Amino acid sequence: MNRNIILTCAVTGAGDTAGKNPNVPVTPKQIADNCIEAARAGASVAHIHVRDPETGDISHSTEHFREVMERVREADVDIVMNITAGGGGDWIPDAEEPTRGGPGTDIQTPAQRHEPVGALLPELCTLDCGSLNFGDMVYVNPADWLREHARLVQAAGVKPELECFDLGHVWFARQLQQEGLLDGDPLFQLCLGIPWGAEADTESMLAMRNRLPENANWAAFGIGRQQMPMVAQAMLLGGHARVGLEDNLYLEKGVLATNGGLVEKASTLIENLGGRVMTPAETRAHLALRDPNTDHIVEKALETAAGGEA
């Protein structure tokens, strides 16, 4: 059992959830406020997507990510920031011409997916490790695209969180490690319960965990009503955990959740099992992440020195 848990809060995804729970943040300010709320509730990491402020649909705008990052960094809280780099992989064949993408298709190249990460240099970013039937669409991640994306993340000095939705994704992530495209101890996120990937149950989590490299750090999450059971299961199997409105809209049956409420509920569960949630500073040390707080101090010192020399 792992008694020191890195608890991630995935504050908003890209799905059609804002109309189902009014607490799902949409604008950059709302998303930043939810990251701050999660930090105050005790989360170690905030995982973010961004949305079009007008429609609530998925956005890939670097400027939207930048506003979220700046608002969070300027707040009186500390939290590790994890930017999604897994957008732009949605494929829905056109009904009349299936070789073309139909309505809802959203495809980006690896360079386009990486753009916000390369510009903003968060501590973490996601790197999805394979394709799958994702509900009624296909989530597209060709192997050579993933290799290219891994090289971009590696060159930026950002640690990738290797998102694995099925057992074959773990296999490919190990291949990336063997090819030298991952630095240090790899960090895995086992994504469970997405139709039609790995199910959110003990057998699936254990099978995926047992195929991880020996030096891996790992976390897992389940969607919907399996969110809290998977927090407990991950802890008992030696991993870390993730909660948040990206994955689950309810605090309990019939009660709409907030990100802060989900973090507090998961933290209580972890404590009741004899564990504790790691602070952001402890998380950076444990995962060997860069520290933006220190970087900020260094930048200010360099600016001051340059001004003095002038």
C-alpha atoms as a PDB file:
ATOM      1  CA  MET A   1       0.000   0.000   0.000  1.00  0.00           C
ATOM      2  CA  ASN A   2       1.133   3.525  -0.757  1.00  0.00           C
ATOM      3  CA  ARG A   3       0.650   5.836   2.240  1.00  0.00           C
ATOM      4  CA  ASN A   4       1.926   9.009   0.538  1.00  0.00           C
ATOM      5  CA  ILE A   5      -0.444   9.886  -2.281  1.00  0.00           C
ATOM      6  CA  ILE A   6      -0.082  12.369  -5.112  1.00  0.00           C
ATOM      7  CA  LEU A   7      -3.672  13.510  -5.615  1.00  0.00           C
ATOM      8  CA  THR A   8      -4.462  15.066  -8.991  1.00  0.00           C
ATOM      9  CA  CYS A   9      -7.586  17.113  -9.637  1.00  0.00           C
ATOM     10  CA  ALA A  10      -8.675  17.098 -13.303  1.00  0.00           C
ATOM     11  CA  VAL A  11     -10.760  20.235 -13.154  1.00  0.00           C
ATOM     12  CA  THR A  12     -12.423  20.251 -16.581  1.00  0.00           C
ATOM     13  CA  GLY A  13     -12.236  17.984 -19.574  1.00  0.00           C
ATOM     14  CA  ALA A  14     -13.253  18.457 -23.174  1.00  0.00           C
ATOM     15  CA  GLY A  15     -16.528  16.541 -23.096  1.00  0.00           C
ATOM     16  CA  ASP A  16     -20.106  17.771 -23.153  1.00  0.00           C
ATOM     17  CA  THR A  17     -20.342  18.102 -19.379  1.00  0.00           C
ATOM     18  CA  ALA A  18     -20.822  21.813 -18.682  1.00  0.00           C
ATOM     19  CA  GLY A  19     -24.558  21.502 -19.374  1.00  0.00           C
ATOM     20  CA  LYS A  20     -24.839  18.585 -16.960  1.00  0.00           C
ATOM     21  CA  ASN A  21     -23.185  20.239 -13.958  1.00  0.00           C
ATOM     22  CA  PRO A  22     -23.018  24.057 -13.670  1.00  0.00           C
ATOM     23  CA  ASN A  23     -19.865  23.698 -11.550  1.00  0.00           C
ATOM     24  CA  VAL A  24     -17.826  22.535 -14.549  1.00  0.00           C
ATOM     25  CA  PRO A  25     -15.523  25.484 -15.348  1.00  0.00           C
ATOM     26  CA  VAL A  26     -15.508  26.853 -18.893  1.00  0.00           C
ATOM     27  CA  THR A  27     -13.685  30.196 -19.123  1.00  0.00           C
ATOM     28  CA  PRO A  28      -9.961  30.510 -18.368  1.00  0.00           C
ATOM     29  CA  LYS A  29     -10.800  32.436 -15.182  1.00  0.00           C
ATOM     30  CA  GLN A  30     -13.236  29.749 -14.046  1.00  0.00           C
ATOM     31  CA  ILE A  31     -10.707  27.001 -14.788  1.00  0.00           C
ATOM     32  CA  ALA A  32      -7.978  28.877 -12.887  1.00  0.00           C
ATOM     33  CA  ASP A  33     -10.344  29.490  -9.970  1.00  0.00           C
ATOM     34  CA  ASN A  34     -11.082  25.766  -9.861  1.00  0.00           C
ATOM     35  CA  CYS A  35      -7.355  24.954  -9.820  1.00  0.00           C
ATOM     36  CA  ILE A  36      -6.984  27.341  -6.880  1.00  0.00           C
ATOM     37  CA  GLU A  37     -10.019  25.764  -5.188  1.00  0.00           C
ATOM     38  CA  ALA A  38      -8.479  22.309  -5.648  1.00  0.00           C
ATOM     39  CA  ALA A  39      -5.169  23.526  -4.222  1.00  0.00           C
ATOM     40  CA  ARG A  40      -6.883  24.938  -1.142  1.00  0.00           C
ATOM     41  CA  ALA A  41      -8.749  21.653  -0.712  1.00  0.00           C
ATOM     42  CA  GLY A  42      -5.384  19.861  -0.653  1.00  0.00           C
ATOM     43  CA  ALA A  43      -4.725  18.622  -4.192  1.00  0.00           C
ATOM     44  CA  SER A  44      -1.129  18.028  -5.233  1.00  0.00           C
ATOM     45  CA  VAL A  45      -1.628  18.522  -8.996  1.00  0.00           C
ATOM     46  CA  ALA A  46      -4.115  20.330 -11.219  1.00  0.00           C
ATOM     47  CA  HIS A  47      -4.691  18.762 -14.631  1.00  0.00           C
ATOM     48  CA  ILE A  48      -6.235  21.159 -17.136  1.00  0.00           C
ATOM     49  CA  HIS A  49      -7.927  21.308 -20.485  1.00  0.00           C
ATOM     50  CA  VAL A  50      -9.267  24.608 -21.808  1.00  0.00           C
ATOM     51  CA  ARG A  51     -12.560  25.381 -23.494  1.00  0.00           C
ATOM     52  CA  ASP A  52     -13.972  27.997 -25.827  1.00  0.00           C
ATOM     53  CA  PRO A  53     -15.327  30.605 -23.391  1.00  0.00           C
ATOM     54  CA  GLU A  54     -18.337  31.266 -25.632  1.00  0.00           C
ATOM     55  CA  THR A  55     -19.442  27.730 -26.497  1.00  0.00           C
ATOM     56  CA  GLY A  56     -17.867  25.538 -23.817  1.00  0.00           C
ATOM     57  CA  ASP A  57     -16.436  23.290 -26.537  1.00  0.00           C
ATOM     58  CA  ILE A  58     -12.836  22.100 -26.611  1.00  0.00           C
ATOM     59  CA  SER A  59     -10.157  24.700 -27.265  1.00  0.00           C
ATOM     60  CA  HIS A  60      -6.480  24.261 -28.082  1.00  0.00           C
ATOM     61  CA  SER A  61      -5.641  27.949 -27.637  1.00  0.00           C
ATOM     62  CA  THR A  62      -2.225  28.586 -26.140  1.00  0.00           C
ATOM     63  CA  GLU A  63      -3.533  31.935 -24.908  1.00  0.00           C
ATOM     64  CA  HIS A  64      -6.350  30.261 -22.973  1.00  0.00           C
ATOM     65  CA  PHE A  65      -3.796  27.938 -21.342  1.00  0.00           C
ATOM     66  CA  ARG A  66      -1.539  30.914 -20.666  1.00  0.00           C
ATOM     67  CA  GLU A  67      -4.297  32.826 -18.869  1.00  0.00           C
ATOM     68  CA  VAL A  68      -5.073  29.832 -16.670  1.00  0.00           C
ATOM     69  CA  MET A  69      -1.406  29.292 -15.831  1.00  0.00           C
ATOM     70  CA  GLU A  70      -0.777  32.950 -15.038  1.00  0.00           C
ATOM     71  CA  ARG A  71      -3.849  33.274 -12.823  1.00  0.00           C
ATOM     72  CA  VAL A  72      -2.898  30.166 -10.850  1.00  0.00           C
ATOM     73  CA  ARG A  73       0.747  31.180 -10.483  1.00  0.00           C
ATOM     74  CA  GLU A  74      -0.268  34.645  -9.267  1.00  0.00           C
ATOM     75  CA  ALA A  75      -2.591  33.222  -6.584  1.00  0.00           C
ATOM     76  CA  ASP A  76      -1.593  32.641  -2.964  1.00  0.00           C
ATOM     77  CA  VAL A  77      -1.521  28.862  -3.406  1.00  0.00           C
ATOM     78  CA  ASP A  78       0.918  26.290  -4.736  1.00  0.00           C
ATOM     79  CA  ILE A  79      -0.037  23.414  -6.999  1.00  0.00           C
ATOM     80  CA  VAL A  80       1.755  21.399  -9.678  1.00  0.00           C
ATOM     81  CA  MET A  81       0.357  22.228 -13.123  1.00  0.00           C
ATOM     82  CA  ASN A  82      -0.323  19.507 -15.687  1.00  0.00           C
ATOM     83  CA  ILE A  83      -1.427  20.647 -19.157  1.00  0.00           C
ATOM     84  CA  THR A  84      -3.183  18.238 -21.466  1.00  0.00           C
ATOM     85  CA  ALA A  85      -1.369  17.555 -24.706  1.00  0.00           C
ATOM     86  CA  GLY A  86      -3.822  14.869 -25.762  1.00  0.00           C
ATOM     87  CA  GLY A  87      -6.330  17.030 -27.610  1.00  0.00           C
ATOM     88  CA  GLY A  88      -6.801  16.926 -31.350  1.00  0.00           C
ATOM     89  CA  GLY A  89      -7.190  13.174 -31.699  1.00  0.00           C
ATOM     90  CA  ASP A  90     -10.948  12.801 -32.209  1.00  0.00           C
ATOM     91  CA  TRP A  91     -11.997  10.987 -35.383  1.00  0.00           C
ATOM     92  CA  ILE A  92     -15.604  10.379 -36.456  1.00  0.00           C
ATOM     93  CA  PRO A  93     -15.933   9.005 -40.013  1.00  0.00           C
ATOM     94  CA  ASP A  94     -18.214  10.987 -42.278  1.00  0.00           C
ATOM     95  CA  ALA A  95     -21.406   9.023 -42.910  1.00  0.00           C
ATOM     96  CA  GLU A  96     -21.295   9.555 -46.684  1.00  0.00           C
ATOM     97  CA  GLU A  97     -17.522   9.498 -47.201  1.00  0.00           C
ATOM     98  CA  PRO A  98     -15.948   7.435 -44.386  1.00  0.00           C
ATOM     99  CA  THR A  99     -12.375   8.172 -45.525  1.00  0.00           C
ATOM    100  CA  ARG A 100     -12.952  11.735 -44.332  1.00  0.00           C
ATOM    101  CA  GLY A 101     -13.669  13.068 -40.878  1.00  0.00           C
ATOM    102  CA  GLY A 102     -17.257  13.999 -40.244  1.00  0.00           C
ATOM    103  CA  PRO A 103     -18.823  16.433 -37.748  1.00  0.00           C
ATOM    104  CA  GLY A 104     -17.037  16.272 -34.386  1.00  0.00           C
ATOM    105  CA  THR A 105     -13.683  15.283 -35.873  1.00  0.00           C
ATOM    106  CA  ASP A 106     -10.793  17.253 -34.340  1.00  0.00           C
ATOM    107  CA  ILE A 107      -7.294  16.203 -35.436  1.00  0.00           C
ATOM    108  CA  GLN A 108      -4.019  17.949 -34.615  1.00  0.00           C
ATOM    109  CA  THR A 109      -0.437  17.076 -35.522  1.00  0.00           C
ATOM    110  CA  PRO A 110       2.044  16.330 -32.711  1.00  0.00           C
ATOM    111  CA  ALA A 111       3.578  19.785 -33.137  1.00  0.00           C
ATOM    112  CA  GLN A 112       0.163  21.420 -32.762  1.00  0.00           C
ATOM    113  CA  ARG A 113      -0.653  19.350 -29.682  1.00  0.00           C
ATOM    114  CA  HIS A 114       2.665  20.327 -28.136  1.00  0.00           C
ATOM    115  CA  GLU A 115       2.406  24.065 -28.808  1.00  0.00           C
ATOM    116  CA  PRO A 116       0.923  25.151 -25.419  1.00  0.00           C
ATOM    117  CA  VAL A 117       3.346  22.888 -23.549  1.00  0.00           C
ATOM    118  CA  GLY A 118       6.382  24.209 -25.396  1.00  0.00           C
ATOM    119  CA  ALA A 119       5.288  27.815 -24.890  1.00  0.00           C
ATOM    120  CA  LEU A 120       4.324  27.585 -21.198  1.00  0.00           C
ATOM    121  CA  LEU A 121       6.589  24.799 -19.834  1.00  0.00           C
ATOM    122  CA  PRO A 122       4.373  23.365 -17.094  1.00  0.00           C
ATOM    123  CA  GLU A 123       5.847  20.819 -14.714  1.00  0.00           C
ATOM    124  CA  LEU A 124       3.802  18.023 -16.308  1.00  0.00           C
ATOM    125  CA  CYS A 125       1.923  17.347 -19.525  1.00  0.00           C
ATOM    126  CA  THR A 126      -0.024  14.336 -20.700  1.00  0.00           C
ATOM    127  CA  LEU A 127       1.199  12.006 -23.425  1.00  0.00           C
ATOM    128  CA  ASP A 128      -1.461   9.540 -24.515  1.00  0.00           C
ATOM    129  CA  CYS A 129       0.048   6.219 -25.486  1.00  0.00           C
ATOM    130  CA  GLY A 130      -2.233   4.729 -28.093  1.00  0.00           C
ATOM    131  CA  SER A 131      -5.428   4.793 -30.099  1.00  0.00           C
ATOM    132  CA  LEU A 132      -8.754   3.324 -29.006  1.00  0.00           C
ATOM    133  CA  ASN A 133     -12.500   3.324 -29.530  1.00  0.00           C
ATOM    134  CA  PHE A 134     -13.399   6.198 -27.206  1.00  0.00           C
ATOM    135  CA  GLY A 135     -17.155   5.924 -26.809  1.00  0.00           C
ATOM    136  CA  ASP A 136     -18.621   6.407 -30.268  1.00  0.00           C
ATOM    137  CA  MET A 137     -15.518   7.995 -31.777  1.00  0.00           C
ATOM    138  CA  VAL A 138     -11.972   6.827 -32.443  1.00  0.00           C
ATOM    139  CA  TYR A 139      -9.173   8.484 -30.486  1.00  0.00           C
ATOM    140  CA  VAL A 140      -6.252   8.567 -32.933  1.00  0.00           C
ATOM    141  CA  ASN A 141      -2.615   8.293 -31.826  1.00  0.00           C
ATOM    142  CA  PRO A 142      -0.416   6.617 -34.476  1.00  0.00           C
ATOM    143  CA  ALA A 143       2.825   5.209 -33.081  1.00  0.00           C
ATOM    144  CA  ASP A 144       5.128   7.478 -35.101  1.00  0.00           C
ATOM    145  CA  TRP A 145       3.084  10.524 -34.055  1.00  0.00           C
ATOM    146  CA  LEU A 146       3.577   9.522 -30.434  1.00  0.00           C
ATOM    147  CA  ARG A 147       7.309   9.114 -30.931  1.00  0.00           C
ATOM    148  CA  GLU A 148       7.469  12.598 -32.461  1.00  0.00           C
ATOM    149  CA  HIS A 149       5.386  13.998 -29.622  1.00  0.00           C
ATOM    150  CA  ALA A 150       7.582  12.308 -27.004  1.00  0.00           C
ATOM    151  CA  ARG A 151      10.678  13.895 -28.573  1.00  0.00           C
ATOM    152  CA  LEU A 152       9.072  17.346 -28.400  1.00  0.00           C
ATOM    153  CA  VAL A 153       8.140  16.914 -24.744  1.00  0.00           C
ATOM    154  CA  GLN A 154      11.601  15.570 -23.938  1.00  0.00           C
ATOM    155  CA  ALA A 155      13.307  18.521 -25.656  1.00  0.00           C
ATOM    156  CA  ALA A 156      11.119  20.961 -23.696  1.00  0.00           C
ATOM    157  CA  GLY A 157      12.236  19.461 -20.378  1.00  0.00           C
ATOM    158  CA  VAL A 158       8.655  18.780 -19.289  1.00  0.00           C
ATOM    159  CA  LYS A 159       7.847  15.450 -17.641  1.00  0.00           C
ATOM    160  CA  PRO A 160       5.206  13.473 -19.528  1.00  0.00           C
ATOM    161  CA  GLU A 161       2.376  11.767 -17.698  1.00  0.00           C
ATOM    162  CA  LEU A 162       1.861   8.633 -19.793  1.00  0.00           C
ATOM    163  CA  GLU A 163      -1.880   8.165 -20.135  1.00  0.00           C
ATOM    164  CA  CYS A 164      -2.791   4.530 -20.752  1.00  0.00           C
ATOM    165  CA  PHE A 165      -6.369   3.515 -21.506  1.00  0.00           C
ATOM    166  CA  ASP A 166      -5.622  -0.137 -22.183  1.00  0.00           C
ATOM    167  CA  LEU A 167      -2.915  -2.752 -21.685  1.00  0.00           C
ATOM    168  CA  GLY A 168      -1.374  -2.220 -25.123  1.00  0.00           C
ATOM    169  CA  HIS A 169      -0.785   1.434 -24.242  1.00  0.00           C
ATOM    170  CA  VAL A 170       1.416   0.344 -21.346  1.00  0.00           C
ATOM    171  CA  TRP A 171       3.355  -1.858 -23.765  1.00  0.00           C
ATOM    172  CA  PHE A 172       3.930   1.081 -26.123  1.00  0.00           C
ATOM    173  CA  ALA A 173       4.989   3.375 -23.258  1.00  0.00           C
ATOM    174  CA  ARG A 174       7.614   0.798 -22.300  1.00  0.00           C
ATOM    175  CA  GLN A 175       8.765   0.897 -25.917  1.00  0.00           C
ATOM    176  CA  LEU A 176       9.187   4.677 -25.698  1.00  0.00           C
ATOM    177  CA  GLN A 177      11.348   4.138 -22.628  1.00  0.00           C
ATOM    178  CA  GLN A 178      13.468   1.516 -24.404  1.00  0.00           C
ATOM    179  CA  GLU A 179      13.996   3.918 -27.307  1.00  0.00           C
ATOM    180  CA  GLY A 180      15.322   6.588 -24.939  1.00  0.00           C
ATOM    181  CA  LEU A 181      12.377   8.949 -25.414  1.00  0.00           C
ATOM    182  CA  LEU A 182      11.555   9.186 -21.695  1.00  0.00           C
ATOM    183  CA  ASP A 183      13.939  10.713 -19.160  1.00  0.00           C
ATOM    184  CA  GLY A 184      14.148   9.611 -15.536  1.00  0.00           C
ATOM    185  CA  ASP A 185      11.564   7.448 -13.802  1.00  0.00           C
ATOM    186  CA  PRO A 186       8.415   7.347 -15.961  1.00  0.00           C
ATOM    187  CA  LEU A 187       5.061   8.527 -14.647  1.00  0.00           C
ATOM    188  CA  PHE A 188       1.987   6.555 -15.727  1.00  0.00           C
ATOM    189  CA  GLN A 189      -1.706   7.404 -15.436  1.00  0.00           C
ATOM    190  CA  LEU A 190      -3.976   4.372 -15.783  1.00  0.00           C
ATOM    191  CA  CYS A 191      -7.265   5.659 -17.231  1.00  0.00           C
ATOM    192  CA  LEU A 192     -10.075   3.246 -16.392  1.00  0.00           C
ATOM    193  CA  GLY A 193     -13.727   2.995 -17.293  1.00  0.00           C
ATOM    194  CA  ILE A 194     -13.697   4.823 -20.639  1.00  0.00           C
ATOM    195  CA  PRO A 195     -15.831   2.893 -23.151  1.00  0.00           C
ATOM    196  CA  TRP A 196     -14.135   0.949 -24.770  1.00  0.00           C
ATOM    197  CA  GLY A 197     -10.822   0.830 -22.994  1.00  0.00           C
ATOM    198  CA  ALA A 198      -9.857  -0.944 -19.788  1.00  0.00           C
ATOM    199  CA  GLU A 199     -12.682  -1.334 -17.289  1.00  0.00           C
ATOM    200  CA  ALA A 200     -12.613   0.391 -13.904  1.00  0.00           C
ATOM    201  CA  ASP A 201     -12.098  -2.647 -11.726  1.00  0.00           C
ATOM    202  CA  THR A 202      -9.407  -4.323  -9.648  1.00  0.00           C
ATOM    203  CA  GLU A 203      -8.485  -6.904 -12.281  1.00  0.00           C
ATOM    204  CA  SER A 204      -7.835  -4.297 -14.980  1.00  0.00           C
ATOM    205  CA  MET A 205      -5.842  -2.002 -12.707  1.00  0.00           C
ATOM    206  CA  LEU A 206      -3.750  -4.886 -11.396  1.00  0.00           C
ATOM    207  CA  ALA A 207      -3.056  -6.231 -14.894  1.00  0.00           C
ATOM    208  CA  MET A 208      -1.862  -2.822 -16.079  1.00  0.00           C
ATOM    209  CA  ARG A 209       0.149  -2.143 -12.935  1.00  0.00           C
ATOM    210  CA  ASN A 210       1.908  -5.487 -13.248  1.00  0.00           C
ATOM    211  CA  ARG A 211       3.199  -4.542 -16.710  1.00  0.00           C
ATOM    212  CA  LEU A 212       4.755  -1.233 -15.645  1.00  0.00           C
ATOM    213  CA  PRO A 213       8.548  -0.771 -15.596  1.00  0.00           C
ATOM    214  CA  GLU A 214      10.152  -1.374 -12.221  1.00  0.00           C
ATOM    215  CA  ASN A 215      11.149   2.284 -11.848  1.00  0.00           C
ATOM    216  CA  ALA A 216       7.689   3.655 -12.688  1.00  0.00           C
ATOM    217  CA  ASN A 217       5.574   6.002 -10.625  1.00  0.00           C
ATOM    218  CA  TRP A 218       1.901   5.479 -11.373  1.00  0.00           C
ATOM    219  CA  ALA A 219      -1.584   6.714 -10.635  1.00  0.00           C
ATOM    220  CA  ALA A 220      -5.041   5.598 -11.694  1.00  0.00           C
ATOM    221  CA  PHE A 221      -8.547   6.943 -11.965  1.00  0.00           C
ATOM    222  CA  GLY A 222     -12.031   5.685 -12.703  1.00  0.00           C
ATOM    223  CA  ILE A 223     -14.849   7.682 -14.217  1.00  0.00           C
ATOM    224  CA  GLY A 224     -18.330   8.302 -12.861  1.00  0.00           C
ATOM    225  CA  ARG A 225     -19.347   6.336  -9.792  1.00  0.00           C
ATOM    226  CA  GLN A 226     -16.081   4.371  -9.928  1.00  0.00           C
ATOM    227  CA  GLN A 227     -14.031   7.482  -9.113  1.00  0.00           C
ATOM    228  CA  MET A 228     -13.714   6.997  -5.346  1.00  0.00           C
ATOM    229  CA  PRO A 229     -13.432   3.178  -5.442  1.00  0.00           C
ATOM    230  CA  MET A 230     -10.484   3.548  -7.823  1.00  0.00           C
ATOM    231  CA  VAL A 231      -8.843   6.088  -5.465  1.00  0.00           C
ATOM    232  CA  ALA A 232      -8.880   3.469  -2.730  1.00  0.00           C
ATOM    233  CA  GLN A 233      -7.851   0.650  -5.074  1.00  0.00           C
ATOM    234  CA  ALA A 234      -4.894   2.589  -6.488  1.00  0.00           C
ATOM    235  CA  MET A 235      -3.659   3.406  -2.990  1.00  0.00           C
ATOM    236  CA  LEU A 236      -3.954  -0.219  -1.875  1.00  0.00           C
ATOM    237  CA  LEU A 237      -2.014  -1.401  -4.953  1.00  0.00           C
ATOM    238  CA  GLY A 238       0.800   1.103  -4.416  1.00  0.00           C
ATOM    239  CA  GLY A 239      -0.219   3.947  -6.718  1.00  0.00           C
ATOM    240  CA  HIS A 240      -1.446   7.526  -6.661  1.00  0.00           C
ATOM    241  CA  ALA A 241      -4.899   8.863  -7.549  1.00  0.00           C
ATOM    242  CA  ARG A 242      -6.932  11.359  -9.546  1.00  0.00           C
ATOM    243  CA  VAL A 243     -10.371  12.887  -9.075  1.00  0.00           C
ATOM    244  CA  GLY A 244     -12.176  15.898 -10.556  1.00  0.00           C
ATOM    245  CA  LEU A 245     -15.049  17.083 -12.710  1.00  0.00           C
ATOM    246  CA  GLU A 246     -13.340  15.923 -15.897  1.00  0.00           C
ATOM    247  CA  ASP A 247     -14.061  12.358 -14.855  1.00  0.00           C
ATOM    248  CA  ASN A 248     -17.096  12.512 -12.554  1.00  0.00           C
ATOM    249  CA  LEU A 249     -19.892  15.038 -11.994  1.00  0.00           C
ATOM    250  CA  TYR A 250     -21.351  13.763  -8.722  1.00  0.00           C
ATOM    251  CA  LEU A 251     -20.213  13.900  -5.101  1.00  0.00           C
ATOM    252  CA  GLU A 252     -22.731  11.206  -4.272  1.00  0.00           C
ATOM    253  CA  LYS A 253     -25.927   9.931  -5.851  1.00  0.00           C
ATOM    254  CA  GLY A 254     -28.052  12.916  -6.854  1.00  0.00           C
ATOM    255  CA  VAL A 255     -25.589  15.507  -5.490  1.00  0.00           C
ATOM    256  CA  LEU A 256     -23.642  17.513  -8.059  1.00  0.00           C
ATOM    257  CA  ALA A 257     -19.953  17.833  -7.231  1.00  0.00           C
ATOM    258  CA  THR A 258     -17.420  20.640  -7.179  1.00  0.00           C
ATOM    259  CA  ASN A 259     -13.723  20.085  -7.728  1.00  0.00           C
ATOM    260  CA  GLY A 260     -12.975  21.159  -4.168  1.00  0.00           C
ATOM    261  CA  GLY A 261     -15.594  18.763  -2.810  1.00  0.00           C
ATOM    262  CA  LEU A 262     -14.158  15.829  -4.764  1.00  0.00           C
ATOM    263  CA  VAL A 263     -10.627  16.597  -3.532  1.00  0.00           C
ATOM    264  CA  GLU A 264     -11.853  16.809   0.060  1.00  0.00           C
ATOM    265  CA  LYS A 265     -13.762  13.526  -0.243  1.00  0.00           C
ATOM    266  CA  ALA A 266     -10.762  11.736  -1.766  1.00  0.00           C
ATOM    267  CA  SER A 267      -8.423  13.194   0.871  1.00  0.00           C
ATOM    268  CA  THR A 268     -10.687  11.934   3.654  1.00  0.00           C
ATOM    269  CA  LEU A 269     -10.804   8.495   2.043  1.00  0.00           C
ATOM    270  CA  ILE A 270      -7.012   8.415   1.802  1.00  0.00           C
ATOM    271  CA  GLU A 271      -6.644   9.488   5.440  1.00  0.00           C
ATOM    272  CA  ASN A 272      -9.174   6.884   6.591  1.00  0.00           C
ATOM    273  CA  LEU A 273      -7.049   4.225   4.902  1.00  0.00           C
ATOM    274  CA  GLY A 274      -3.988   5.422   6.820  1.00  0.00           C
ATOM    275  CA  GLY A 275      -2.407   7.638   4.184  1.00  0.00           C
ATOM    276  CA  ARG A 276      -1.829  11.302   3.478  1.00  0.00           C
ATOM    277  CA  VAL A 277      -1.871  13.542   0.406  1.00  0.00           C
ATOM    278  CA  MET A 278       1.517  14.884  -0.642  1.00  0.00           C
ATOM    279  CA  THR A 279       2.047  18.627  -0.898  1.00  0.00           C
ATOM    280  CA  PRO A 280       2.952  20.157  -4.257  1.00  0.00           C
ATOM    281  CA  ALA A 281       6.532  20.663  -3.045  1.00  0.00           C
ATOM    282  CA  GLU A 282       6.761  17.006  -1.999  1.00  0.00           C
ATOM    283  CA  THR A 283       5.282  16.000  -5.350  1.00  0.00           C
ATOM    284  CA  ARG A 284       7.930  17.930  -7.277  1.00  0.00           C
ATOM    285  CA  ALA A 285      10.674  16.318  -5.202  1.00  0.00           C
ATOM    286  CA  HIS A 286       9.198  12.828  -5.560  1.00  0.00           C
ATOM    287  CA  LEU A 287       8.800  13.079  -9.340  1.00  0.00           C
ATOM    288  CA  ALA A 288      11.974  15.156  -9.923  1.00  0.00           C
ATOM    289  CA  LEU A 289      10.012  18.027 -11.478  1.00  0.00           C
ATOM    290  CA  ARG A 290      11.209  21.535 -12.153  1.00  0.00           C
ATOM    291  CA  ASP A 291      10.015  24.080  -9.594  1.00  0.00           C
ATOM    292  CA  PRO A 292       8.340  27.146 -11.135  1.00  0.00           C
ATOM    293  CA  ASN A 293       8.560  28.948  -7.797  1.00  0.00           C
ATOM    294  CA  THR A 294      12.350  28.669  -7.832  1.00  0.00           C
ATOM    295  CA  ASP A 295      12.453  29.473 -11.547  1.00  0.00           C
ATOM    296  CA  HIS A 296      10.540  32.678 -10.849  1.00  0.00           C
ATOM    297  CA  ILE A 297      13.072  33.690  -8.198  1.00  0.00           C
ATOM    298  CA  VAL A 298      15.952  32.935 -10.562  1.00  0.00           C
ATOM    299  CA  GLU A 299      14.324  34.927 -13.361  1.00  0.00           C
ATOM    300  CA  LYS A 300      13.858  37.944 -11.081  1.00  0.00           C
ATOM    301  CA  ALA A 301      17.472  37.700  -9.908  1.00  0.00           C
ATOM    302  CA  LEU A 302      18.709  37.589 -13.497  1.00  0.00           C
ATOM    303  CA  GLU A 303      16.549  40.592 -14.410  1.00  0.00           C
ATOM    304  CA  THR A 304      17.897  42.538 -11.436  1.00  0.00           C
ATOM    305  CA  ALA A 305      21.492  41.624 -12.279  1.00  0.00           C
ATOM    306  CA  ALA A 306      20.998  42.638 -15.893  1.00  0.00           C
ATOM    307  CA  GLY A 307      19.530  45.960 -14.796  1.00  0.00           C
ATOM    308  CA  GLY A 308      22.445  46.596 -12.467  1.00  0.00           C
ATOM    309  CA  GLU A 309      24.966  45.875 -15.180  1.00  0.00           C
ATOM    310  CA  ALA A 310      23.229  48.304 -17.489  1.00  0.00           C
END
